[in-house]
Amino acid sequence: MGRVEFEIIEGIKEIDAAAWDQLVGADSPFLEYGFLRALEDSGCVGSDSGWHPQFLVARDSDAPDRLVGAMPLYLKLHSMGEFVFDWSWADAAQRAGIRYYPKAVVAVPMTPIQGRRILVDAALAPDDALAIKKTLVETAIDFAQKVGLSSVHFNFIMPDEVAIFEALDLPIRVGMQFHWHNHNGAEDAQKYSDFDAFLGRFRSKKRANIRRERRKLTNAGVRTRVVAGAAVTPAHLDRVFDYYRDTIDKLEWGRQYLNREFFQHLGEQLPQRLHLVMAEQDGEEFGGAFNLYKNAGLYGRYWGCTKEVEFAHFETCLYRPLDWCIEHGVEVFQPGAQGPHKYDRGFDPTPTYSAHWIRDPRLADAVGQFIAHERAEMRAHIKELRQDSPINR
């Protein structure tokens, strides 16, 4: 490999799809070219969305068409759609007379899912890969300094990326989500044979509650079905958008980040990743969940319904997807943000990580202290939840 050259690209459409996806490899489907392109083509990022693509790429000077590294970087004019909340930091900056916007985030827009944020060619030697990873982070920070951004936020980074940011003295913020794993936690654990095998791990009262919920839905005439991959039609995606809008409209704090065009573009750009769970009562569809899947992972994102049926949300968003994961040998199900109800249904409290660079030293010091205090509290909370788990370990 020759000298590595770094460049800012204003939009995924200016990058070769195969070259980008080669860097993504087996990682999250939300990082794939098709997902990022659907966001751009539908106008959910760019234009007046407050998300402005500034993809950072690294090229081999001896083979300019070859990407050896990349980072999904966006300029932000607000803090919406990030799910690593920094509103209090922005308020503190304003009170101190520090301009907080624009800033930069390294993330997938509107997607609170862990994924690799520093992409490198898997064929690189380990030392070369590590050097490029470090330089990508440093280049993102240099870019922010040169154009006068207040900060760079690396959101939902992978656990094995944390050390890279720590080596650059960036504070690491710890959050929490609830993830399901297809085993009982033992070293020699086998995947679950069926849903009952999974339920067998629960304490008796919790196990009885889940069976009661599913039985009540069956008695009410509710059925669910999975529609995935090539079986997903534009009509399915139209209904999924309607369900998504319905949920947004019901929530006082709900914000619509995506439009109908996004779902249709995704059906064209990334059909092999689509996974829908559609709910019917007495043969009439009334709700559905929108997920993506790839390799050993299922990822939940959106749910909605046109009428309220008790426990339908749990069945459509949790139980039926778990049935599917067990049937297909899927190892991990990440159902998205939020989730005490997920904890009660066997999803493990799992730490998430983000790293933050703040330009102003006064704000950086205050944010660093906040992160350190929050991190200690979050780790203690995760430990407590694991000790009081509804499932036997």
Protein backbone atom coordinates (compact mmCIF):
# COMPACT_ATOMS: atom_id res chain seq x y z
CA MET A 1 0.00 0.00 0.00
CA GLY A 2 1.23 3.46 -0.91
CA ARG A 3 0.69 6.69 0.93
CA VAL A 4 -2.80 7.13 2.42
CA GLU A 5 -4.75 10.21 1.34
CA PHE A 6 -7.76 11.53 3.27
CA GLU A 7 -10.70 13.33 1.67
CA ILE A 8 -14.12 14.73 2.62
CA ILE A 9 -16.96 13.54 0.36
CA GLU A 10 -20.26 15.44 0.52
CA GLY A 11 -22.66 12.54 0.14
CA ILE A 12 -22.63 8.75 -0.09
CA LYS A 13 -23.78 8.95 -3.71
CA GLU A 14 -20.32 10.29 -4.60
CA ILE A 15 -18.71 7.10 -3.28
CA ASP A 16 -18.61 3.78 -5.11
CA ALA A 17 -21.15 1.42 -3.54
CA ALA A 18 -19.00 -1.71 -3.78
CA ALA A 19 -15.97 0.08 -2.33
CA TRP A 20 -18.01 1.35 0.63
CA ASP A 21 -19.71 -1.98 1.37
CA GLN A 22 -16.37 -3.76 1.17
CA LEU A 23 -15.31 -1.68 4.17
CA VAL A 24 -18.57 -2.37 6.02
CA GLY A 25 -18.23 -6.13 5.55
CA ALA A 26 -20.27 -8.10 8.06
CA ASP A 27 -21.05 -5.07 10.22
CA SER A 28 -24.43 -3.43 10.83
CA PRO A 29 -26.86 -3.17 7.88
CA PHE A 30 -27.45 0.47 8.86
CA LEU A 31 -23.88 1.24 7.75
CA GLU A 32 -24.39 -0.26 4.31
CA TYR A 33 -24.42 1.92 1.23
CA GLY A 34 -28.07 1.16 0.50
CA PHE A 35 -29.30 2.46 3.85
CA LEU A 36 -27.23 5.64 3.76
CA ARG A 37 -28.15 6.24 0.12
CA ALA A 38 -31.87 5.86 0.90
CA LEU A 39 -31.54 8.56 3.57
CA GLU A 40 -29.95 10.93 1.05
CA ASP A 41 -32.18 10.14 -1.93
CA SER A 42 -35.33 10.66 0.14
CA GLY A 43 -34.10 13.98 1.56
CA CYS A 44 -34.11 12.72 5.17
CA VAL A 45 -30.52 13.95 5.35
CA GLY A 46 -29.09 16.89 3.45
CA SER A 47 -31.10 19.91 2.31
CA ASP A 48 -32.83 21.53 5.32
CA SER A 49 -32.78 18.40 7.51
CA GLY A 50 -29.93 19.63 9.70
CA TRP A 51 -27.89 16.53 8.75
CA HIS A 52 -25.22 17.36 6.17
CA PRO A 53 -23.06 14.46 4.91
CA GLN A 54 -19.31 14.99 5.07
CA PHE A 55 -18.03 11.43 4.68
CA LEU A 56 -14.37 11.06 5.53
CA VAL A 57 -12.57 8.54 3.33
CA ALA A 58 -9.01 7.25 3.14
CA ARG A 59 -7.56 6.11 -0.21
CA ASP A 60 -4.45 4.22 -1.22
CA SER A 61 -2.46 6.70 -3.36
CA ASP A 62 -1.20 3.79 -5.50
CA ALA A 63 -4.79 2.69 -6.19
CA PRO A 64 -7.08 5.76 -5.83
CA ASP A 65 -10.24 3.73 -6.48
CA ARG A 66 -9.50 1.62 -3.43
CA LEU A 67 -10.91 2.79 -0.12
CA VAL A 68 -8.79 1.68 2.82
CA GLY A 69 -10.81 3.52 5.44
CA ALA A 70 -13.89 5.66 5.98
CA MET A 71 -16.09 7.33 8.56
CA PRO A 72 -19.80 8.35 8.34
CA LEU A 73 -19.44 12.02 9.34
CA TYR A 74 -22.27 14.58 9.40
CA LEU A 75 -22.42 18.29 10.17
CA LYS A 76 -25.31 18.96 12.55
CA LEU A 77 -27.33 22.12 13.12
CA HIS A 78 -29.30 20.59 16.02
CA SER A 79 -29.21 17.53 18.29
CA MET A 80 -32.29 15.71 17.02
CA GLY A 81 -32.20 12.11 15.83
CA GLU A 82 -28.97 11.17 17.59
CA PHE A 83 -30.16 9.24 20.69
CA VAL A 84 -27.00 10.15 22.61
CA PHE A 85 -28.54 13.17 24.24
CA ASP A 86 -26.47 16.33 24.63
CA TRP A 87 -29.22 18.93 25.04
CA SER A 88 -27.94 19.85 28.50
CA TRP A 89 -24.46 20.41 27.07
CA ALA A 90 -25.89 22.75 24.43
CA ASP A 91 -27.81 24.64 27.12
CA ALA A 92 -24.68 24.96 29.27
CA ALA A 93 -22.70 26.21 26.27
CA GLN A 94 -25.33 28.85 25.51
CA ARG A 95 -25.32 30.08 29.12
CA ALA A 96 -21.52 30.36 28.96
CA GLY A 97 -21.63 32.26 25.67
CA ILE A 98 -20.17 29.33 23.70
CA ARG A 99 -21.65 28.54 20.29
CA TYR A 100 -22.62 24.84 20.21
CA TYR A 101 -23.99 24.53 16.68
CA PRO A 102 -22.85 23.58 14.14
CA LYS A 103 -21.17 20.47 15.46
CA ALA A 104 -20.26 17.12 13.91
CA VAL A 105 -21.41 13.58 14.62
CA VAL A 106 -19.97 10.30 13.46
CA ALA A 107 -23.04 8.11 13.41
CA VAL A 108 -25.88 6.69 11.34
CA PRO A 109 -28.69 9.27 11.30
CA MET A 110 -31.81 8.48 13.32
CA THR A 111 -30.43 5.06 14.28
CA PRO A 112 -29.55 4.17 17.90
CA ILE A 113 -27.79 0.93 16.97
CA GLN A 114 -24.19 0.02 17.77
CA GLY A 115 -21.95 -0.26 14.73
CA ARG A 116 -18.39 0.27 13.66
CA ARG A 117 -17.70 3.98 13.26
CA ILE A 118 -14.11 3.62 12.01
CA LEU A 119 -14.22 1.50 8.88
CA VAL A 120 -11.01 0.00 7.50
CA ASP A 121 -10.15 -2.55 4.84
CA ALA A 122 -10.11 -6.00 6.45
CA ALA A 123 -7.16 -6.96 4.24
CA LEU A 124 -4.84 -4.44 5.91
CA ALA A 125 -2.10 -5.58 8.23
CA PRO A 126 -3.10 -4.98 11.89
CA ASP A 127 -0.55 -2.18 12.40
CA ASP A 128 -1.67 -0.41 9.20
CA ALA A 129 -5.34 -0.78 10.16
CA LEU A 130 -4.75 0.67 13.62
CA ALA A 131 -2.77 3.60 12.19
CA ILE A 132 -5.55 4.43 9.72
CA LYS A 133 -8.22 4.18 12.43
CA LYS A 134 -6.34 6.59 14.64
CA THR A 135 -5.69 8.99 11.76
CA LEU A 136 -9.36 8.95 10.71
CA VAL A 137 -10.36 10.09 14.20
CA GLU A 138 -7.63 12.73 14.29
CA THR A 139 -8.59 13.96 10.80
CA ALA A 140 -12.24 14.33 11.84
CA ILE A 141 -11.15 16.45 14.81
CA ASP A 142 -8.74 18.49 12.65
CA PHE A 143 -11.57 19.13 10.20
CA ALA A 144 -13.82 20.33 13.04
CA GLN A 145 -11.12 22.71 14.27
CA LYS A 146 -10.45 24.13 10.81
CA VAL A 147 -14.09 24.89 10.02
CA GLY A 148 -14.93 26.13 13.52
CA LEU A 149 -17.20 23.35 14.81
CA SER A 150 -17.83 23.17 18.54
CA SER A 151 -17.43 19.43 18.87
CA VAL A 152 -17.31 15.97 17.32
CA HIS A 153 -19.44 13.17 18.76
CA PHE A 154 -18.70 9.54 17.91
CA ASN A 155 -21.99 7.84 18.78
CA PHE A 156 -22.77 4.16 19.39
CA ILE A 157 -19.20 3.03 18.80
CA MET A 158 -18.29 -0.65 19.14
CA PRO A 159 -16.74 -1.83 22.41
CA ASP A 160 -13.49 -2.74 20.65
CA GLU A 161 -13.21 0.83 19.30
CA VAL A 162 -13.25 2.43 22.75
CA ALA A 163 -9.48 2.03 23.28
CA ILE A 164 -8.74 4.09 20.15
CA PHE A 165 -10.65 7.07 21.53
CA GLU A 166 -9.24 6.62 25.02
CA ALA A 167 -5.72 6.72 23.56
CA LEU A 168 -6.61 10.17 22.17
CA ASP A 169 -7.86 11.29 25.63
CA LEU A 170 -11.51 11.56 24.58
CA PRO A 171 -14.01 10.93 27.39
CA ILE A 172 -16.13 7.81 26.91
CA ARG A 173 -19.81 8.10 27.70
CA VAL A 174 -21.66 4.92 28.74
CA GLY A 175 -25.34 4.37 27.98
CA MET A 176 -27.56 1.31 28.18
CA GLN A 177 -29.78 -0.69 25.87
CA PHE A 178 -31.44 -4.10 26.16
CA HIS A 179 -30.19 -6.82 23.80
CA TRP A 180 -31.18 -10.47 23.45
CA HIS A 181 -28.61 -13.23 22.97
CA ASN A 182 -29.38 -16.68 21.65
CA HIS A 183 -27.82 -18.64 24.54
CA ASN A 184 -28.03 -18.94 28.31
CA GLY A 185 -24.72 -17.26 29.07
CA ALA A 186 -22.73 -20.40 29.87
CA GLU A 187 -19.37 -20.92 28.17
CA ASP A 188 -20.55 -24.09 26.41
CA ALA A 189 -24.05 -22.73 25.78
CA GLN A 190 -26.07 -23.96 22.83
CA LYS A 191 -28.58 -21.87 20.91
CA TYR A 192 -32.19 -22.17 22.02
CA SER A 193 -34.12 -24.98 20.36
CA ASP A 194 -37.44 -23.10 20.55
CA PHE A 195 -39.24 -20.31 22.41
CA ASP A 196 -40.13 -22.63 25.28
CA ALA A 197 -36.44 -23.34 25.81
CA PHE A 198 -35.89 -19.61 26.15
CA LEU A 199 -38.83 -19.30 28.56
CA GLY A 200 -37.33 -22.11 30.62
CA ARG A 201 -34.69 -19.66 31.87
CA PHE A 202 -37.25 -17.32 33.44
CA ARG A 203 -38.36 -17.23 37.02
CA SER A 204 -41.74 -18.95 37.22
CA LYS A 205 -43.87 -15.81 37.67
CA LYS A 206 -42.28 -14.01 34.71
CA ARG A 207 -42.58 -17.14 32.56
CA ALA A 208 -46.27 -17.44 33.39
CA ASN A 209 -46.85 -13.75 32.56
CA ILE A 210 -45.35 -14.11 29.07
CA ARG A 211 -47.37 -17.23 28.34
CA ARG A 212 -50.51 -15.46 29.55
CA GLU A 213 -49.85 -12.48 27.26
CA ARG A 214 -49.37 -14.68 24.20
CA ARG A 215 -52.39 -16.83 25.06
CA LYS A 216 -54.62 -13.76 25.47
CA LEU A 217 -53.61 -12.53 22.00
CA THR A 218 -54.36 -15.91 20.45
CA ASN A 219 -57.78 -15.96 22.10
CA ALA A 220 -58.42 -12.45 20.75
CA GLY A 221 -57.81 -13.67 17.20
CA VAL A 222 -54.43 -11.95 16.80
CA ARG A 223 -51.86 -13.54 14.53
CA THR A 224 -48.47 -12.30 13.35
CA ARG A 225 -46.44 -13.16 10.26
CA VAL A 226 -42.92 -12.36 9.17
CA VAL A 227 -42.38 -10.88 5.70
CA ALA A 228 -38.71 -10.66 4.80
CA GLY A 229 -36.32 -10.04 1.92
CA ALA A 230 -37.75 -10.37 -1.57
CA ALA A 231 -41.24 -11.02 -0.20
CA VAL A 232 -41.48 -7.39 0.98
CA THR A 233 -43.45 -5.33 -1.54
CA PRO A 234 -43.88 -1.55 -2.00
CA ALA A 235 -47.36 -1.97 -0.52
CA HIS A 236 -45.88 -3.49 2.64
CA LEU A 237 -43.48 -0.57 2.96
CA ASP A 238 -46.31 1.91 2.43
CA ARG A 239 -48.18 0.39 5.37
CA VAL A 240 -45.03 0.31 7.50
CA PHE A 241 -44.61 4.05 6.93
CA ASP A 242 -48.24 4.61 7.97
CA TYR A 243 -47.61 2.65 11.19
CA TYR A 244 -44.44 4.67 11.82
CA ARG A 245 -46.37 7.92 11.35
CA ASP A 246 -49.14 6.69 13.63
CA THR A 247 -46.65 6.11 16.46
CA ILE A 248 -45.06 9.53 15.94
CA ASP A 249 -48.47 11.21 16.04
CA LYS A 250 -49.39 9.46 19.30
CA LEU A 251 -46.26 10.54 21.17
CA GLU A 252 -46.16 14.01 22.66
CA TRP A 253 -42.39 14.12 22.06
CA GLY A 254 -42.51 12.24 18.74
CA ARG A 255 -40.68 13.66 15.73
CA GLN A 256 -40.94 12.45 12.17
CA TYR A 257 -37.43 12.04 10.82
CA LEU A 258 -38.27 9.73 7.92
CA ASN A 259 -40.67 10.08 5.00
CA ARG A 260 -42.58 7.69 2.79
CA GLU A 261 -39.94 7.99 0.09
CA PHE A 262 -37.26 6.69 2.46
CA PHE A 263 -39.06 3.39 3.00
CA GLN A 264 -39.61 2.96 -0.73
CA HIS A 265 -35.97 3.81 -1.50
CA LEU A 266 -34.88 1.31 1.12
CA GLY A 267 -36.96 -1.34 -0.61
CA GLU A 268 -35.04 -0.60 -3.80
CA GLN A 269 -31.57 -0.10 -2.27
CA LEU A 270 -31.49 -2.78 0.43
CA PRO A 271 -34.31 -5.31 -0.09
CA GLN A 272 -32.28 -8.27 1.18
CA ARG A 273 -32.12 -6.75 4.67
CA LEU A 274 -35.82 -6.03 5.21
CA HIS A 275 -37.69 -7.85 7.96
CA LEU A 276 -41.31 -6.98 8.78
CA VAL A 277 -43.63 -8.46 11.38
CA MET A 278 -47.24 -7.80 10.47
CA ALA A 279 -50.07 -8.16 13.00
CA GLU A 280 -53.64 -9.18 12.11
CA GLN A 281 -56.82 -9.61 14.11
CA ASP A 282 -59.46 -11.90 12.66
CA GLY A 283 -57.67 -11.63 9.31
CA GLU A 284 -57.49 -7.82 9.23
CA GLU A 285 -54.05 -6.23 9.48
CA PHE A 286 -53.75 -3.52 12.14
CA GLY A 287 -50.06 -3.10 12.91
CA GLY A 288 -46.50 -3.96 12.15
CA ALA A 289 -42.83 -3.73 13.13
CA PHE A 290 -39.99 -2.74 10.81
CA ASN A 291 -36.62 -4.45 11.33
CA LEU A 292 -33.44 -5.10 9.39
CA TYR A 293 -31.42 -8.29 9.53
CA LYS A 294 -27.93 -9.28 8.47
CA ASN A 295 -25.90 -12.41 9.10
CA ALA A 296 -26.27 -13.24 12.80
CA GLY A 297 -28.13 -10.09 13.84
CA LEU A 298 -31.71 -8.75 13.84
CA TYR A 299 -32.22 -5.04 14.47
CA GLY A 300 -35.54 -3.53 15.46
CA ARG A 301 -36.47 0.06 14.63
CA TYR A 302 -40.13 1.06 14.16
CA TRP A 303 -43.57 -0.10 15.25
CA GLY A 304 -47.10 1.20 14.87
CA CYS A 305 -50.74 0.18 14.84
CA THR A 306 -54.09 1.53 13.77
CA LYS A 307 -55.90 0.21 16.83
CA GLU A 308 -54.82 -0.69 20.34
CA VAL A 309 -54.82 -4.38 21.20
CA GLU A 310 -53.41 -5.34 24.59
CA PHE A 311 -49.99 -7.04 24.36
CA ALA A 312 -49.86 -6.73 20.55
CA HIS A 313 -46.78 -4.50 20.82
CA PHE A 314 -44.88 -7.15 22.79
CA GLU A 315 -45.87 -9.91 20.37
CA THR A 316 -45.04 -7.95 17.22
CA CYS A 317 -41.84 -6.29 18.38
CA LEU A 318 -40.41 -8.91 20.75
CA TYR A 319 -41.92 -12.39 20.91
CA ARG A 320 -42.49 -13.07 17.22
CA PRO A 321 -39.04 -11.71 16.26
CA LEU A 322 -37.52 -13.93 18.96
CA ASP A 323 -39.36 -16.93 17.51
CA TRP A 324 -37.84 -16.04 14.13
CA CYS A 325 -34.34 -15.54 15.58
CA ILE A 326 -34.43 -18.94 17.27
CA GLU A 327 -35.77 -20.62 14.14
CA HIS A 328 -33.05 -19.07 11.96
CA GLY A 329 -30.16 -19.34 14.41
CA VAL A 330 -29.76 -15.58 14.77
CA GLU A 331 -27.34 -14.80 17.59
CA VAL A 332 -28.28 -11.27 18.66
CA PHE A 333 -31.46 -9.18 18.53
CA GLN A 334 -31.04 -5.45 19.17
CA PRO A 335 -34.54 -3.97 19.39
CA GLY A 336 -33.46 -0.32 19.60
CA ALA A 337 -33.54 2.35 22.28
CA GLN A 338 -35.56 2.47 25.51
CA GLY A 339 -36.81 -0.62 27.20
CA PRO A 340 -37.69 -1.54 30.81
CA HIS A 341 -40.42 -3.69 29.21
CA LYS A 342 -37.66 -5.49 27.28
CA TYR A 343 -35.74 -6.21 30.48
CA ASP A 344 -38.80 -7.92 31.97
CA ARG A 345 -38.95 -10.13 28.88
CA GLY A 346 -35.42 -11.47 28.92
CA PHE A 347 -33.36 -8.80 27.18
CA ASP A 348 -30.01 -8.16 28.84
CA PRO A 349 -28.92 -4.67 30.01
CA THR A 350 -26.01 -3.91 27.70
CA PRO A 351 -23.64 -0.92 27.82
CA THR A 352 -23.35 1.35 24.80
CA TYR A 353 -20.48 3.74 24.20
CA SER A 354 -19.80 7.11 22.65
CA ALA A 355 -16.73 9.37 22.54
CA HIS A 356 -16.73 13.17 22.53
CA TRP A 357 -14.30 15.88 21.53
CA ILE A 358 -15.18 19.43 22.67
CA ARG A 359 -13.18 22.38 21.33
CA ASP A 360 -13.74 24.92 24.10
CA PRO A 361 -11.66 23.85 27.14
CA ARG A 362 -14.22 25.21 29.63
CA LEU A 363 -17.05 23.20 28.14
CA ALA A 364 -14.77 20.20 27.60
CA ASP A 365 -13.90 20.14 31.31
CA ALA A 366 -17.54 20.38 32.38
CA VAL A 367 -18.62 17.68 29.92
CA GLY A 368 -15.75 15.43 31.01
CA GLN A 369 -16.82 15.69 34.66
CA PHE A 370 -20.46 15.00 33.73
CA ILE A 371 -19.49 11.94 31.68
CA ALA A 372 -17.31 10.50 34.44
CA HIS A 373 -20.11 10.83 37.02
CA GLU A 374 -22.76 9.48 34.63
CA ARG A 375 -20.54 6.56 33.61
CA ALA A 376 -20.08 5.42 37.21
CA GLU A 377 -23.82 5.59 37.83
CA MET A 378 -24.66 3.74 34.62
CA ARG A 379 -22.22 0.91 35.30
CA ALA A 380 -23.62 0.51 38.80
CA HIS A 381 -27.17 0.46 37.40
CA ILE A 382 -26.30 -2.19 34.81
CA LYS A 383 -24.68 -4.35 37.49
CA GLU A 384 -27.77 -4.02 39.69
CA LEU A 385 -30.12 -4.97 36.85
CA ARG A 386 -28.06 -8.02 35.98
CA GLN A 387 -28.11 -9.18 39.59
CA ASP A 388 -31.91 -8.77 39.79
CA SER A 389 -32.61 -10.27 36.36
CA PRO A 390 -35.99 -11.91 35.66
CA ILE A 391 -34.09 -14.85 34.15
CA ASN A 392 -31.94 -17.40 35.95
CA ARG A 393 -28.22 -17.19 35.23
